[in-house]
């Protein structure tokens, strides 16, 4: 499961996650698009685990899967150098 699938499995919207954790909705979207990784205070991190009903390992795997998926996509859309 990637970051978006993890959130959707709990029937949460990005705005729900953002407001519960105290971050911007764009931050959650950036995680899900592999642009950034979650950088949270301990209390925010624990709240994220609680919201997604997962453990540290599940969240780490979701971050890795998201990054792999989107790094492949961005590599295939790179313009060729002359």
C-alpha atoms as a PDB file:
ATOM      1  CA  UNK A   1       0.000   0.000   0.000  1.00  0.00           C
ATOM      2  CA  UNK A   2       1.278   3.484  -0.811  1.00  0.00           C
ATOM      3  CA  UNK A   3       0.564   6.671   1.148  1.00  0.00           C
ATOM      4  CA  UNK A   4      -2.654   7.487  -0.710  1.00  0.00           C
ATOM      5  CA  UNK A   5      -3.968   3.930  -0.427  1.00  0.00           C
ATOM      6  CA  UNK A   6      -3.158   3.919   3.284  1.00  0.00           C
ATOM      7  CA  UNK A   7      -5.198   7.106   3.801  1.00  0.00           C
ATOM      8  CA  UNK A   8      -8.069   5.938   1.601  1.00  0.00           C
ATOM      9  CA  UNK A   9      -8.232   2.587   3.423  1.00  0.00           C
ATOM     10  CA  UNK A  10      -9.403   4.557   6.460  1.00  0.00           C
ATOM     11  CA  UNK A  11     -11.914   6.594   4.399  1.00  0.00           C
ATOM     12  CA  UNK A  12     -10.030   9.814   5.160  1.00  0.00           C
ATOM     13  CA  UNK A  13      -9.699  12.872   2.941  1.00  0.00           C
ATOM     14  CA  UNK A  14      -6.425  14.792   2.717  1.00  0.00           C
ATOM     15  CA  UNK A  15      -8.107  17.692   4.518  1.00  0.00           C
ATOM     16  CA  UNK A  16      -9.106  15.345   7.377  1.00  0.00           C
ATOM     17  CA  UNK A  17      -5.539  14.128   7.866  1.00  0.00           C
ATOM     18  CA  UNK A  18      -4.115  17.638   7.646  1.00  0.00           C
ATOM     19  CA  UNK A  19      -6.518  19.116  10.180  1.00  0.00           C
ATOM     20  CA  UNK A  20      -6.093  16.225  12.636  1.00  0.00           C
ATOM     21  CA  UNK A  21      -2.304  16.476  12.542  1.00  0.00           C
ATOM     22  CA  UNK A  22      -2.045  20.250  12.312  1.00  0.00           C
ATOM     23  CA  UNK A  23      -0.353  20.542   8.922  1.00  0.00           C
ATOM     24  CA  UNK A  24      -1.325  21.911   5.526  1.00  0.00           C
ATOM     25  CA  UNK A  25      -3.398  19.829   3.154  1.00  0.00           C
ATOM     26  CA  UNK A  26      -0.778  20.424   0.461  1.00  0.00           C
ATOM     27  CA  UNK A  27       1.752  18.655   2.699  1.00  0.00           C
ATOM     28  CA  UNK A  28      -0.380  15.501   2.715  1.00  0.00           C
ATOM     29  CA  UNK A  29      -0.820  15.701  -1.071  1.00  0.00           C
ATOM     30  CA  UNK A  30       2.950  16.119  -1.489  1.00  0.00           C
ATOM     31  CA  UNK A  31       3.544  12.948   0.550  1.00  0.00           C
ATOM     32  CA  UNK A  32       1.114  11.077  -1.666  1.00  0.00           C
ATOM     33  CA  UNK A  33       2.794  12.279  -4.859  1.00  0.00           C
ATOM     34  CA  UNK A  34       6.267  11.370  -3.573  1.00  0.00           C
ATOM     35  CA  UNK A  35       7.411  15.005  -3.581  1.00  0.00           C
ATOM     36  CA  UNK A  36       8.240  14.993   0.130  1.00  0.00           C
ATOM     37  CA  UNK A  37       8.361  12.496   2.967  1.00  0.00           C
ATOM     38  CA  UNK A  38       6.586  12.951   6.301  1.00  0.00           C
ATOM     39  CA  UNK A  39       8.686  15.099   8.631  1.00  0.00           C
ATOM     40  CA  UNK A  40       6.637  15.398  11.789  1.00  0.00           C
ATOM     41  CA  UNK A  41       6.974  15.997  15.504  1.00  0.00           C
ATOM     42  CA  UNK A  42       6.560  12.851  17.612  1.00  0.00           C
ATOM     43  CA  UNK A  43       3.000  13.769  18.613  1.00  0.00           C
ATOM     44  CA  UNK A  44       2.034  14.396  14.977  1.00  0.00           C
ATOM     45  CA  UNK A  45       3.689  11.161  13.883  1.00  0.00           C
ATOM     46  CA  UNK A  46       1.814   9.168  16.519  1.00  0.00           C
ATOM     47  CA  UNK A  47      -1.448  10.817  15.438  1.00  0.00           C
ATOM     48  CA  UNK A  48      -0.731   9.830  11.810  1.00  0.00           C
ATOM     49  CA  UNK A  49      -0.173   6.207  12.865  1.00  0.00           C
ATOM     50  CA  UNK A  50      -3.439   6.351  14.807  1.00  0.00           C
ATOM     51  CA  UNK A  51      -5.394   7.886  11.897  1.00  0.00           C
ATOM     52  CA  UNK A  52      -4.051   5.368   9.382  1.00  0.00           C
ATOM     53  CA  UNK A  53      -4.407   2.507  11.893  1.00  0.00           C
ATOM     54  CA  UNK A  54      -0.936   1.244  11.109  1.00  0.00           C
ATOM     55  CA  UNK A  55       2.424   0.771  12.771  1.00  0.00           C
ATOM     56  CA  UNK A  56       5.799   2.340  12.027  1.00  0.00           C
ATOM     57  CA  UNK A  57       6.794  -0.440   9.634  1.00  0.00           C
ATOM     58  CA  UNK A  58       3.572  -0.130   7.594  1.00  0.00           C
ATOM     59  CA  UNK A  59       4.012   3.627   7.283  1.00  0.00           C
ATOM     60  CA  UNK A  60       7.671   3.276   6.291  1.00  0.00           C
ATOM     61  CA  UNK A  61       6.737   0.744   3.612  1.00  0.00           C
ATOM     62  CA  UNK A  62       3.996   3.056   2.298  1.00  0.00           C
ATOM     63  CA  UNK A  63       6.453   5.967   2.056  1.00  0.00           C
ATOM     64  CA  UNK A  64       8.967   3.757   0.218  1.00  0.00           C
ATOM     65  CA  UNK A  65       6.337   2.410  -2.190  1.00  0.00           C
ATOM     66  CA  UNK A  66       5.117   5.945  -2.937  1.00  0.00           C
ATOM     67  CA  UNK A  67       8.656   7.167  -3.588  1.00  0.00           C
ATOM     68  CA  UNK A  68       9.441   4.221  -5.866  1.00  0.00           C
ATOM     69  CA  UNK A  69       6.219   4.672  -7.827  1.00  0.00           C
ATOM     70  CA  UNK A  70       6.712   8.389  -8.376  1.00  0.00           C
ATOM     71  CA  UNK A  71      10.466   8.263  -8.975  1.00  0.00           C
ATOM     72  CA  UNK A  72       9.829   5.855 -11.853  1.00  0.00           C
ATOM     73  CA  UNK A  73       7.148   8.155 -13.265  1.00  0.00           C
ATOM     74  CA  UNK A  74       9.359  11.234 -13.102  1.00  0.00           C
ATOM     75  CA  UNK A  75      12.278   9.364 -14.699  1.00  0.00           C
ATOM     76  CA  UNK A  76      10.155   8.339 -17.673  1.00  0.00           C
ATOM     77  CA  UNK A  77       9.050  11.937 -18.223  1.00  0.00           C
ATOM     78  CA  UNK A  78      12.522  13.507 -18.152  1.00  0.00           C
ATOM     79  CA  UNK A  79      13.429  15.434 -21.304  1.00  0.00           C
ATOM     80  CA  UNK A  80      16.401  14.031 -23.182  1.00  0.00           C
ATOM     81  CA  UNK A  81      19.645  15.973 -23.082  1.00  0.00           C
ATOM     82  CA  UNK A  82      21.167  17.023 -26.411  1.00  0.00           C
END
